[in-house]
Amino acid sequence: MKALVLFYSYGGNTRSVAEMIAKRIGADIAEIKTVKPYEGTYNEVVAQGKREVESNFKPAIMPVEADFDKYDTVVFGTPVWWYTYAPAVSSFFDSYSLKGKRVFAFATNGGWLGKTLDNIKHVCKDSDVEKGINIKFNGNKLVTPISDVEKWADDIIK
């Protein structure tokens, strides 16, 4: 198995989980980055995120530095923004395809998962989407037991 951990992270929580998973399963790692970073206070960015999700706004993203043809498995990480994946993830799925890949998704959040994992499964309908995981934080503190994340990651390489 050749795996890639691909993620978008606004505040760093999703990045920290992505790095942990990549190390645990021996995967390469790549990040989705917006051309224009989000700026302002946390509450200002939350309000902007709500407007973007509700209007289906897709921010411009930088080219993803990964050759997807090299991978049969993609571990996909996103923060939850208003009960779904972040707008930058929508931009990614408009430009890239994970067709034919095994996809394992994880979503980080401090509130409610919403339909995030279901929405990833829907947009990856040409992929083999495996069981995802909801990873909860309180601020920057991981609430989901790390052993749960490790067990989920270990199942990827079985």
Protein backbone atom coordinates (compact mmCIF):
# COMPACT_ATOMS: atom_id res chain seq x y z
CA MET A 1 0.00 0.00 0.00
CA LYS A 2 1.22 3.47 -0.88
CA ALA A 3 -0.63 6.06 1.18
CA LEU A 4 -0.93 9.82 1.23
CA VAL A 5 -2.29 11.84 4.12
CA LEU A 6 -3.94 14.88 2.56
CA PHE A 7 -5.41 17.61 4.75
CA TYR A 8 -6.64 21.15 5.10
CA SER A 9 -6.07 22.89 8.43
CA TYR A 10 -7.04 26.38 9.56
CA GLY A 11 -5.92 26.48 13.19
CA GLY A 12 -3.44 23.59 13.33
CA ASN A 13 -5.55 20.85 14.95
CA THR A 14 -6.15 18.99 11.68
CA ARG A 15 -2.47 19.38 10.78
CA SER A 16 -1.34 17.85 14.08
CA VAL A 17 -3.61 14.83 13.58
CA ALA A 18 -2.53 14.46 9.95
CA GLU A 19 1.14 14.46 10.95
CA MET A 20 0.50 11.88 13.67
CA ILE A 21 -1.37 9.58 11.27
CA ALA A 22 1.23 9.95 8.51
CA LYS A 23 4.01 9.01 10.91
CA ARG A 24 2.05 6.08 12.34
CA ILE A 25 1.23 4.49 8.96
CA GLY A 26 4.38 5.54 7.10
CA ALA A 27 2.53 7.72 4.60
CA ASP A 28 3.53 10.77 2.61
CA ILE A 29 1.76 13.99 3.55
CA ALA A 30 0.40 16.96 1.58
CA GLU A 31 -1.57 20.04 2.55
CA ILE A 32 -4.38 21.93 0.86
CA LYS A 33 -3.65 25.65 1.24
CA THR A 34 -5.77 28.63 0.29
CA VAL A 35 -4.16 31.28 -1.90
CA LYS A 36 -5.37 33.94 0.53
CA PRO A 37 -5.09 32.81 4.16
CA TYR A 38 -8.01 33.47 6.47
CA GLU A 39 -7.39 36.52 8.65
CA GLY A 40 -9.03 38.10 11.66
CA THR A 41 -10.13 36.93 15.05
CA TYR A 42 -11.43 33.41 15.57
CA ASN A 43 -15.03 34.70 15.68
CA GLU A 44 -14.52 36.72 12.47
CA VAL A 45 -13.20 33.65 10.67
CA VAL A 46 -16.08 31.54 12.03
CA ALA A 47 -18.57 34.09 10.68
CA GLN A 48 -16.78 34.18 7.33
CA GLY A 49 -16.75 30.38 7.24
CA LYS A 50 -20.50 30.26 7.87
CA ARG A 51 -21.14 32.68 4.99
CA GLU A 52 -18.85 30.68 2.70
CA VAL A 53 -20.44 27.31 3.52
CA GLU A 54 -23.98 28.71 3.15
CA SER A 55 -23.16 30.29 -0.22
CA ASN A 56 -21.08 27.31 -1.45
CA PHE A 57 -18.09 29.63 -1.86
CA LYS A 58 -14.90 27.95 -3.02
CA PRO A 59 -11.71 29.87 -2.24
CA ALA A 60 -8.76 29.65 -4.59
CA ILE A 61 -6.26 27.03 -3.46
CA MET A 62 -2.59 26.51 -4.20
CA PRO A 63 -1.66 23.51 -6.37
CA VAL A 64 -1.43 20.43 -4.15
CA GLU A 65 2.12 19.11 -4.10
CA ALA A 66 1.37 15.43 -4.61
CA ASP A 67 1.34 13.04 -7.57
CA PHE A 68 -1.95 11.28 -6.89
CA ASP A 69 -1.13 8.55 -9.42
CA LYS A 70 1.49 7.23 -6.96
CA TYR A 71 -1.08 6.43 -4.25
CA ASP A 72 -3.75 3.80 -3.88
CA THR A 73 -4.86 5.08 -0.45
CA VAL A 74 -5.63 8.64 0.61
CA VAL A 75 -6.25 9.58 4.23
CA PHE A 76 -8.21 12.81 3.99
CA GLY A 77 -8.46 15.29 6.87
CA THR A 78 -10.58 18.39 7.29
CA PRO A 79 -11.85 20.60 10.06
CA VAL A 80 -15.63 20.81 10.35
CA TRP A 81 -16.97 24.17 9.24
CA TRP A 82 -20.69 24.57 9.86
CA TYR A 83 -21.44 20.83 9.87
CA THR A 84 -19.46 19.94 6.74
CA TYR A 85 -15.94 20.12 5.34
CA ALA A 86 -14.13 23.44 4.96
CA PRO A 87 -14.67 25.53 1.79
CA ALA A 88 -11.03 24.90 0.77
CA VAL A 89 -11.92 21.20 0.61
CA SER A 90 -14.77 22.03 -1.80
CA SER A 91 -12.20 23.82 -3.95
CA PHE A 92 -9.97 20.75 -3.84
CA PHE A 93 -12.75 18.42 -4.98
CA ASP A 94 -13.56 20.79 -7.86
CA SER A 95 -9.99 20.51 -9.14
CA TYR A 96 -8.81 17.02 -8.16
CA SER A 97 -10.22 13.52 -8.21
CA LEU A 98 -9.64 10.60 -5.86
CA LYS A 99 -11.32 8.22 -8.30
CA GLY A 100 -10.32 4.61 -7.74
CA LYS A 101 -8.55 5.34 -4.45
CA ARG A 102 -9.26 3.89 -1.02
CA VAL A 103 -10.25 6.94 1.04
CA PHE A 104 -10.21 7.15 4.82
CA ALA A 105 -11.53 10.48 6.10
CA PHE A 106 -11.10 12.17 9.45
CA ALA A 107 -12.78 15.33 10.63
CA THR A 108 -11.64 17.52 13.51
CA ASN A 109 -14.10 19.67 15.41
CA GLY A 110 -14.94 21.29 18.68
CA GLY A 111 -18.67 20.96 18.33
CA TRP A 112 -20.69 18.73 16.08
CA LEU A 113 -19.53 16.56 13.17
CA GLY A 114 -22.67 17.24 11.17
CA LYS A 115 -22.65 15.53 7.77
CA THR A 116 -18.94 15.99 7.15
CA LEU A 117 -18.01 12.34 6.66
CA ASP A 118 -21.19 11.61 4.67
CA ASN A 119 -20.46 14.61 2.43
CA ILE A 120 -16.93 13.35 1.77
CA LYS A 121 -18.35 9.94 0.89
CA HIS A 122 -20.81 11.60 -1.50
CA VAL A 123 -18.18 13.72 -3.28
CA CYS A 124 -15.87 10.67 -3.52
CA LYS A 125 -18.51 8.44 -5.09
CA ASP A 126 -15.94 6.99 -7.52
CA SER A 127 -13.67 5.98 -4.63
CA ASP A 128 -13.76 3.19 -2.08
CA VAL A 129 -14.60 5.28 0.99
CA GLU A 130 -13.85 3.38 4.19
CA LYS A 131 -14.98 4.12 7.75
CA GLY A 132 -14.02 7.62 8.86
CA ILE A 133 -13.40 9.04 12.31
CA ASN A 134 -14.67 12.08 14.19
CA ILE A 135 -11.84 13.66 16.21
CA LYS A 136 -12.92 16.14 18.87
CA PHE A 137 -10.93 19.02 20.30
CA ASN A 138 -11.55 21.55 23.04
CA GLY A 139 -9.64 24.53 21.72
CA ASN A 140 -6.23 23.06 20.88
CA LYS A 141 -6.59 20.15 23.32
CA LEU A 142 -7.37 16.76 21.84
CA VAL A 143 -10.47 15.30 23.52
CA THR A 144 -10.79 12.07 21.50
CA PRO A 145 -8.49 9.50 23.10
CA ILE A 146 -5.27 9.25 21.12
CA SER A 147 -5.61 5.46 21.34
CA ASP A 148 -8.85 5.72 19.30
CA VAL A 149 -7.05 7.66 16.57
CA GLU A 150 -4.13 5.21 16.60
CA LYS A 151 -6.47 2.19 16.35
CA TRP A 152 -8.31 3.80 13.42
CA ALA A 153 -4.95 4.55 11.71
CA ASP A 154 -3.72 1.00 12.32
CA ASP A 155 -6.82 -0.35 10.54
CA ILE A 156 -5.80 1.60 7.40
CA ILE A 157 -2.66 -0.48 6.95
CA LYS A 158 -4.25 -3.85 7.68
